[in-house]
PDB file of N, CA and C in Angstrom:
ATOM      1  N   UNK A   1       0.836  -1.174   0.000  1.00  0.00           N
ATOM      2  CA  UNK A   1       0.000   0.000   0.000  1.00  0.00           C
ATOM      3  C   UNK A   1       0.885   1.243   0.000  1.00  0.00           C
ATOM      4  N   UNK A   2       0.591   2.159  -0.884  1.00  0.00           N
ATOM      5  CA  UNK A   2       1.414   3.353  -1.031  1.00  0.00           C
ATOM      6  C   UNK A   2       0.918   4.455  -0.102  1.00  0.00           C
ATOM      7  N   UNK A   3       1.850   5.080   0.589  1.00  0.00           N
ATOM      8  CA  UNK A   3       1.518   6.159   1.514  1.00  0.00           C
ATOM      9  C   UNK A   3       1.367   7.472   0.755  1.00  0.00           C
ATOM     10  N   UNK A   4       0.464   8.325   1.240  1.00  0.00           N
ATOM     11  CA  UNK A   4       0.295   9.619   0.588  1.00  0.00           C
ATOM     12  C   UNK A   4       1.320  10.636   1.069  1.00  0.00           C
ATOM     13  N   UNK A   5       2.104  10.267   2.082  1.00  0.00           N
ATOM     14  CA  UNK A   5       3.130  11.153   2.609  1.00  0.00           C
ATOM     15  C   UNK A   5       4.486  10.774   2.043  1.00  0.00           C
ATOM     16  N   UNK A   6       5.286  11.775   1.735  1.00  0.00           N
ATOM     17  CA  UNK A   6       6.625  11.505   1.236  1.00  0.00           C
ATOM     18  C   UNK A   6       7.554  11.169   2.401  1.00  0.00           C
ATOM     19  N   UNK A   7       8.716  10.663   2.053  1.00  0.00           N
ATOM     20  CA  UNK A   7       9.691  10.306   3.090  1.00  0.00           C
ATOM     21  C   UNK A   7      10.127  11.540   3.868  1.00  0.00           C
ATOM     22  N   UNK A   8      10.268  12.667   3.185  1.00  0.00           N
ATOM     23  CA  UNK A   8      10.673  13.911   3.835  1.00  0.00           C
ATOM     24  C   UNK A   8       9.626  14.356   4.861  1.00  0.00           C
ATOM     25  N   UNK A   9       8.352  14.209   4.513  1.00  0.00           N
ATOM     26  CA  UNK A   9       7.288  14.590   5.438  1.00  0.00           C
ATOM     27  C   UNK A   9       7.295  13.702   6.679  1.00  0.00           C
ATOM     28  N   UNK A  10       7.509  12.411   6.484  1.00  0.00           N
ATOM     29  CA  UNK A  10       7.552  11.496   7.631  1.00  0.00           C
ATOM     30  C   UNK A  10       8.742  11.789   8.532  1.00  0.00           C
ATOM     31  N   UNK A  11       9.886  12.090   7.936  1.00  0.00           N
ATOM     32  CA  UNK A  11      11.081  12.404   8.727  1.00  0.00           C
ATOM     33  C   UNK A  11      10.871  13.683   9.529  1.00  0.00           C
ATOM     34  N   UNK A  12      10.287  14.715   8.912  1.00  0.00           N
ATOM     35  CA  UNK A  12      10.025  15.964   9.633  1.00  0.00           C
ATOM     36  C   UNK A  12       9.036  15.753  10.768  1.00  0.00           C
ATOM     37  N   UNK A  13       8.032  14.933  10.540  1.00  0.00           N
ATOM     38  CA  UNK A  13       7.054  14.656  11.596  1.00  0.00           C
ATOM     39  C   UNK A  13       7.704  13.922  12.763  1.00  0.00           C
ATOM     40  N   UNK A  14       8.549  12.952  12.470  1.00  0.00           N
ATOM     41  CA  UNK A  14       9.229  12.204  13.535  1.00  0.00           C
ATOM     42  C   UNK A  14      10.175  13.111  14.308  1.00  0.00           C
ATOM     43  N   UNK A  15      10.893  13.992  13.612  1.00  0.00           N
ATOM     44  CA  UNK A  15      11.786  14.928  14.298  1.00  0.00           C
ATOM     45  C   UNK A  15      11.000  15.877  15.203  1.00  0.00           C
ATOM     46  N   UNK A  16       9.853  16.330  14.735  1.00  0.00           N
ATOM     47  CA  UNK A  16       9.007  17.189  15.569  1.00  0.00           C
ATOM     48  C   UNK A  16       8.514  16.476  16.811  1.00  0.00           C
ATOM     49  N   UNK A  17       8.126  15.214  16.657  1.00  0.00           N
ATOM     50  CA  UNK A  17       7.664  14.428  17.805  1.00  0.00           C
ATOM     51  C   UNK A  17       8.784  14.234  18.809  1.00  0.00           C
ATOM     52  N   UNK A  18       9.964  13.898  18.317  1.00  0.00           N
ATOM     53  CA  UNK A  18      11.113  13.678  19.212  1.00  0.00           C
ATOM     54  C   UNK A  18      11.455  14.963  19.963  1.00  0.00           C
ATOM     55  N   UNK A  19      11.422  16.089  19.267  1.00  0.00           N
ATOM     56  CA  UNK A  19      11.733  17.370  19.914  1.00  0.00           C
ATOM     57  C   UNK A  19      10.705  17.710  20.987  1.00  0.00           C
ATOM     58  N   UNK A  20       9.428  17.514  20.693  1.00  0.00           N
ATOM     59  CA  UNK A  20       8.386  17.821  21.678  1.00  0.00           C
ATOM     60  C   UNK A  20       8.449  16.888  22.882  1.00  0.00           C
ATOM     61  N   UNK A  21       8.670  15.618  22.644  1.00  0.00           N
ATOM     62  CA  UNK A  21       8.781  14.673  23.759  1.00  0.00           C
ATOM     63  C   UNK A  21       9.992  15.018  24.619  1.00  0.00           C
ATOM     64  N   UNK A  22      11.093  15.402  23.978  1.00  0.00           N
ATOM     65  CA  UNK A  22      12.280  15.810  24.732  1.00  0.00           C
ATOM     66  C   UNK A  22      12.028  17.038  25.589  1.00  0.00           C
ATOM     67  N   UNK A  23      11.298  17.994  25.052  1.00  0.00           N
ATOM     68  CA  UNK A  23      10.984  19.193  25.832  1.00  0.00           C
ATOM     69  C   UNK A  23      10.103  18.868  27.035  1.00  0.00           C
ATOM     70  N   UNK A  24       9.104  18.022  26.826  1.00  0.00           N
ATOM     71  CA  UNK A  24       8.235  17.654  27.940  1.00  0.00           C
ATOM     72  C   UNK A  24       8.977  16.819  28.988  1.00  0.00           C
ATOM     73  N   UNK A  25       9.885  15.949  28.541  1.00  0.00           N
ATOM     74  CA  UNK A  25      10.692  15.192  29.502  1.00  0.00           C
ATOM     75  C   UNK A  25      11.606  16.113  30.302  1.00  0.00           C
ATOM     76  N   UNK A  26      12.192  17.103  29.644  1.00  0.00           N
ATOM     77  CA  UNK A  26      13.052  18.050  30.358  1.00  0.00           C
ATOM     78  C   UNK A  26      12.248  18.835  31.391  1.00  0.00           C
ATOM     79  N   UNK A  27      11.024  19.229  31.026  1.00  0.00           N
ATOM     80  CA  UNK A  27      10.170  19.951  31.978  1.00  0.00           C
ATOM     81  C   UNK A  27       9.782  19.054  33.148  1.00  0.00           C
ATOM     82  N   UNK A  28       9.488  17.793  32.864  1.00  0.00           N
ATOM     83  CA  UNK A  28       9.107  16.860  33.920  1.00  0.00           C
ATOM     84  C   UNK A  28      10.271  16.580  34.864  1.00  0.00           C
ATOM     85  N   UNK A  29      11.447  16.344  34.317  1.00  0.00           N
ATOM     86  CA  UNK A  29      12.625  16.067  35.145  1.00  0.00           C
ATOM     87  C   UNK A  29      12.998  17.296  35.971  1.00  0.00           C
ATOM     88  N   UNK A  30      12.921  18.474  35.373  1.00  0.00           N
ATOM     89  CA  UNK A  30      13.243  19.701  36.113  1.00  0.00           C
ATOM     90  C   UNK A  30      12.248  19.931  37.246  1.00  0.00           C
ATOM     91  N   UNK A  31      10.986  19.562  37.032  1.00  0.00           N
ATOM     92  CA  UNK A  31      10.009  19.745  38.109  1.00  0.00           C
ATOM     93  C   UNK A  31      10.227  18.753  39.245  1.00  0.00           C
ATOM     94  N   UNK A  32      10.707  17.547  38.930  1.00  0.00           N
ATOM     95  CA  UNK A  32      10.998  16.572  39.989  1.00  0.00           C
ATOM     96  C   UNK A  32      12.140  17.040  40.878  1.00  0.00           C
ATOM     97  N   UNK A  33      13.112  17.725  40.297  1.00  0.00           N
ATOM     98  CA  UNK A  33      14.250  18.205  41.074  1.00  0.00           C
ATOM     99  C   UNK A  33      14.013  19.596  41.648  1.00  0.00           C
ATOM    100  N   UNK A  34      12.801  20.098  41.510  1.00  0.00           N
ATOM    101  CA  UNK A  34      12.420  21.406  42.048  1.00  0.00           C
ATOM    102  C   UNK A  34      13.358  22.507  41.540  1.00  0.00           C
ATOM    103  N   UNK A  35      13.644  22.433  40.262  1.00  0.00           N
ATOM    104  CA  UNK A  35      14.542  23.394  39.634  1.00  0.00           C
ATOM    105  C   UNK A  35      13.811  24.723  39.399  1.00  0.00           C
ATOM    106  N   UNK A  36      14.524  25.831  39.546  1.00  0.00           N
ATOM    107  CA  UNK A  36      13.880  27.126  39.277  1.00  0.00           C
ATOM    108  C   UNK A  36      13.555  27.324  37.794  1.00  0.00           C
ATOM    109  N   UNK A  37      14.159  26.536  36.924  1.00  0.00           N
ATOM    110  CA  UNK A  37      13.893  26.668  35.487  1.00  0.00           C
ATOM    111  C   UNK A  37      12.760  25.771  35.004  1.00  0.00           C
ATOM    112  N   UNK A  38      12.123  25.034  35.915  1.00  0.00           N
ATOM    113  CA  UNK A  38      11.083  24.094  35.494  1.00  0.00           C
ATOM    114  C   UNK A  38       9.896  24.811  34.867  1.00  0.00           C
ATOM    115  N   UNK A  39       9.542  25.982  35.386  1.00  0.00           N
ATOM    116  CA  UNK A  39       8.428  26.724  34.797  1.00  0.00           C
ATOM    117  C   UNK A  39       8.794  27.209  33.389  1.00  0.00           C
ATOM    118  N   UNK A  40      10.032  27.595  33.210  1.00  0.00           N
ATOM    119  CA  UNK A  40      10.492  28.000  31.879  1.00  0.00           C
ATOM    120  C   UNK A  40      10.464  26.851  30.888  1.00  0.00           C
ATOM    121  N   UNK A  41      10.878  25.658  31.349  1.00  0.00           N
ATOM    122  CA  UNK A  41      10.814  24.478  30.485  1.00  0.00           C
ATOM    123  C   UNK A  41       9.378  24.165  30.090  1.00  0.00           C
ATOM    124  N   UNK A  42       8.465  24.256  31.031  1.00  0.00           N
ATOM    125  CA  UNK A  42       7.069  23.961  30.746  1.00  0.00           C
ATOM    126  C   UNK A  42       6.484  24.989  29.772  1.00  0.00           C
ATOM    127  N   UNK A  43       6.777  26.246  29.988  1.00  0.00           N
ATOM    128  CA  UNK A  43       6.276  27.283  29.070  1.00  0.00           C
ATOM    129  C   UNK A  43       6.847  27.104  27.670  1.00  0.00           C
ATOM    130  N   UNK A  44       8.120  26.771  27.572  1.00  0.00           N
ATOM    131  CA  UNK A  44       8.709  26.570  26.250  1.00  0.00           C
ATOM    132  C   UNK A  44       8.138  25.328  25.578  1.00  0.00           C
ATOM    133  N   UNK A  45       7.860  24.282  26.347  1.00  0.00           N
ATOM    134  CA  UNK A  45       7.261  23.078  25.776  1.00  0.00           C
ATOM    135  C   UNK A  45       5.849  23.367  25.271  1.00  0.00           C
ATOM    136  N   UNK A  46       5.083  24.116  26.029  1.00  0.00           N
ATOM    137  CA  UNK A  46       3.731  24.467  25.595  1.00  0.00           C
ATOM    138  C   UNK A  46       3.756  25.355  24.358  1.00  0.00           C
ATOM    139  N   UNK A  47       4.680  26.303  24.316  1.00  0.00           N
ATOM    140  CA  UNK A  47       4.815  27.168  23.144  1.00  0.00           C
ATOM    141  C   UNK A  47       5.203  26.345  21.917  1.00  0.00           C
ATOM    142  N   UNK A  48       6.170  25.457  22.089  1.00  0.00           N
ATOM    143  CA  UNK A  48       6.653  24.651  20.964  1.00  0.00           C
ATOM    144  C   UNK A  48       5.623  23.631  20.495  1.00  0.00           C
ATOM    145  N   UNK A  49       4.682  23.267  21.358  1.00  0.00           N
ATOM    146  CA  UNK A  49       3.620  22.353  20.950  1.00  0.00           C
ATOM    147  C   UNK A  49       2.823  22.953  19.797  1.00  0.00           C
ATOM    148  N   UNK A  50       2.660  24.257  19.781  1.00  0.00           N
ATOM    149  CA  UNK A  50       1.961  24.913  18.690  1.00  0.00           C
ATOM    150  C   UNK A  50       2.909  25.404  17.604  1.00  0.00           C
ATOM    151  N   UNK A  51       4.093  25.841  17.988  1.00  0.00           N
ATOM    152  CA  UNK A  51       5.019  26.473  17.059  1.00  0.00           C
ATOM    153  C   UNK A  51       5.681  25.464  16.120  1.00  0.00           C
ATOM    154  N   UNK A  52       6.127  24.327  16.626  1.00  0.00           N
ATOM    155  CA  UNK A  52       6.861  23.349  15.813  1.00  0.00           C
ATOM    156  C   UNK A  52       6.005  22.795  14.670  1.00  0.00           C
ATOM    157  N   UNK A  53       4.753  22.364  14.907  1.00  0.00           N
ATOM    158  CA  UNK A  53       3.953  21.892  13.766  1.00  0.00           C
ATOM    159  C   UNK A  53       3.703  22.976  12.709  1.00  0.00           C
ATOM    160  N   UNK A  54       3.552  24.212  13.144  1.00  0.00           N
ATOM    161  CA  UNK A  54       3.346  25.296  12.187  1.00  0.00           C
ATOM    162  C   UNK A  54       4.600  25.494  11.341  1.00  0.00           C
ATOM    163  N   UNK A  55       5.763  25.452  11.963  1.00  0.00           N
ATOM    164  CA  UNK A  55       7.018  25.614  11.223  1.00  0.00           C
ATOM    165  C   UNK A  55       7.219  24.455  10.252  1.00  0.00           C
ATOM    166  N   UNK A  56       6.916  23.234  10.674  1.00  0.00           N
ATOM    167  CA  UNK A  56       7.059  22.077   9.788  1.00  0.00           C
ATOM    168  C   UNK A  56       6.122  22.212   8.588  1.00  0.00           C
ATOM    169  N   UNK A  57       4.875  22.642   8.841  1.00  0.00           N
ATOM    170  CA  UNK A  57       3.926  22.834   7.750  1.00  0.00           C
ATOM    171  C   UNK A  57       4.433  23.903   6.779  1.00  0.00           C
ATOM    172  N   UNK A  58       4.935  25.016   7.306  1.00  0.00           N
ATOM    173  CA  UNK A  58       5.427  26.083   6.431  1.00  0.00           C
ATOM    174  C   UNK A  58       6.645  25.633   5.631  1.00  0.00           C
ATOM    175  N   UNK A  59       7.530  24.855   6.240  1.00  0.00           N
ATOM    176  CA  UNK A  59       8.687  24.327   5.509  1.00  0.00           C
ATOM    177  C   UNK A  59       8.236  23.452   4.347  1.00  0.00           C
ATOM    178  N   UNK A  60       7.268  22.584   4.605  1.00  0.00           N
ATOM    179  CA  UNK A  60       6.763  21.719   3.537  1.00  0.00           C
ATOM    180  C   UNK A  60       6.056  22.529   2.453  1.00  0.00           C
ATOM    181  N   UNK A  61       5.295  23.529   2.861  1.00  0.00           N
ATOM    182  CA  UNK A  61       4.570  24.357   1.912  1.00  0.00           C
ATOM    183  C   UNK A  61       5.525  25.099   0.985  1.00  0.00           C
ATOM    184  N   UNK A  62       6.547  25.746   1.558  1.00  0.00           N
ATOM    185  CA  UNK A  62       7.483  26.504   0.740  1.00  0.00           C
ATOM    186  C   UNK A  62       8.395  25.592  -0.077  1.00  0.00           C
ATOM    187  N   UNK A  63       8.711  24.415   0.442  1.00  0.00           N
ATOM    188  CA  UNK A  63       9.515  23.473  -0.334  1.00  0.00           C
ATOM    189  C   UNK A  63       8.734  22.999  -1.551  1.00  0.00           C
ATOM    190  N   UNK A  64       7.442  22.770  -1.375  1.00  0.00           N
ATOM    191  CA  UNK A  64       6.614  22.347  -2.501  1.00  0.00           C
ATOM    192  C   UNK A  64       6.468  23.483  -3.512  1.00  0.00           C
ATOM    193  N   UNK A  65       6.326  24.719  -3.031  1.00  0.00           N
ATOM    194  CA  UNK A  65       6.208  25.866  -3.930  1.00  0.00           C
ATOM    195  C   UNK A  65       7.486  26.073  -4.735  1.00  0.00           C
ATOM    196  N   UNK A  66       8.635  25.925  -4.086  1.00  0.00           N
ATOM    197  CA  UNK A  66       9.909  26.168  -4.757  1.00  0.00           C
ATOM    198  C   UNK A  66      10.337  25.025  -5.650  1.00  0.00           C
ATOM    199  N   UNK A  67       9.832  23.826  -5.407  1.00  0.00           N
ATOM    200  CA  UNK A  67      10.276  22.683  -6.196  1.00  0.00           C
ATOM    201  C   UNK A  67       9.496  22.523  -7.487  1.00  0.00           C
ATOM    202  N   UNK A  68       8.359  23.201  -7.632  1.00  0.00           N
ATOM    203  CA  UNK A  68       7.578  23.062  -8.865  1.00  0.00           C
ATOM    204  C   UNK A  68       8.290  23.785 -10.002  1.00  0.00           C
ATOM    205  N   UNK A  69       8.175  23.210 -11.172  1.00  0.00           N
ATOM    206  CA  UNK A  69       8.845  23.810 -12.324  1.00  0.00           C
ATOM    207  C   UNK A  69       8.042  25.001 -12.826  1.00  0.00           C
ATOM    208  N   UNK A  70       8.684  25.934 -13.520  1.00  0.00           N
ATOM    209  CA  UNK A  70       7.973  27.109 -14.037  1.00  0.00           C
ATOM    210  C   UNK A  70       6.867  26.727 -15.035  1.00  0.00           C
ATOM    211  N   UNK A  71       7.039  25.586 -15.719  1.00  0.00           N
ATOM    212  CA  UNK A  71       6.015  25.162 -16.666  1.00  0.00           C
ATOM    213  C   UNK A  71       4.708  24.842 -15.959  1.00  0.00           C
ATOM    214  N   UNK A  72       4.796  24.266 -14.756  1.00  0.00           N
ATOM    215  CA  UNK A  72       3.586  23.943 -13.999  1.00  0.00           C
ATOM    216  C   UNK A  72       2.822  25.200 -13.622  1.00  0.00           C
ATOM    217  N   UNK A  73       3.539  26.259 -13.284  1.00  0.00           N
ATOM    218  CA  UNK A  73       2.883  27.508 -12.917  1.00  0.00           C
ATOM    219  C   UNK A  73       2.182  28.131 -14.125  1.00  0.00           C
ATOM    220  N   UNK A  74       2.812  28.033 -15.300  1.00  0.00           N
ATOM    221  CA  UNK A  74       2.198  28.590 -16.496  1.00  0.00           C
ATOM    222  C   UNK A  74       0.912  27.851 -16.838  1.00  0.00           C
ATOM    223  N   UNK A  75       0.898  26.545 -16.652  1.00  0.00           N
ATOM    224  CA  UNK A  75      -0.299  25.768 -16.943  1.00  0.00           C
ATOM    225  C   UNK A  75      -1.427  26.122 -16.013  1.00  0.00           C
ATOM    226  N   UNK A  76      -1.117  26.424 -14.754  1.00  0.00           N
ATOM    227  CA  UNK A  76      -2.180  26.744 -13.812  1.00  0.00           C
ATOM    228  C   UNK A  76      -2.806  28.103 -14.128  1.00  0.00           C
ATOM    229  N   UNK A  77      -2.044  29.006 -14.749  1.00  0.00           N
ATOM    230  CA  UNK A  77      -2.606  30.313 -15.090  1.00  0.00           C
ATOM    231  C   UNK A  77      -3.480  30.238 -16.345  1.00  0.00           C
ATOM    232  N   UNK A  78      -3.257  29.256 -17.175  1.00  0.00           N
ATOM    233  CA  UNK A  78      -4.012  29.146 -18.427  1.00  0.00           C
ATOM    234  C   UNK A  78      -5.424  28.623 -18.195  1.00  0.00           C
ATOM    235  N   UNK A  79      -5.674  27.984 -17.097  1.00  0.00           N
ATOM    236  CA  UNK A  79      -6.995  27.375 -16.862  1.00  0.00           C
ATOM    237  C   UNK A  79      -8.065  28.384 -16.680  1.00  0.00           C
TER     238      UNK A  79
END
């Protein structure tokens, strides 16, 4: 069965998941040790929960826009 996602999209998604899980683990470990930076870790993890997927989407969007040939753009204007 063929996937509708490219290998690049899957790799970016996995990297985003690993980064988010790492941030949440750092926040959890810092809170266990009663670190003064634990609140900062939690805030950054919450911010990145929304920011990282948006950045990944924009990277894919602009990569797709830049990779299309000029002939494809001309055909879309003729319709």
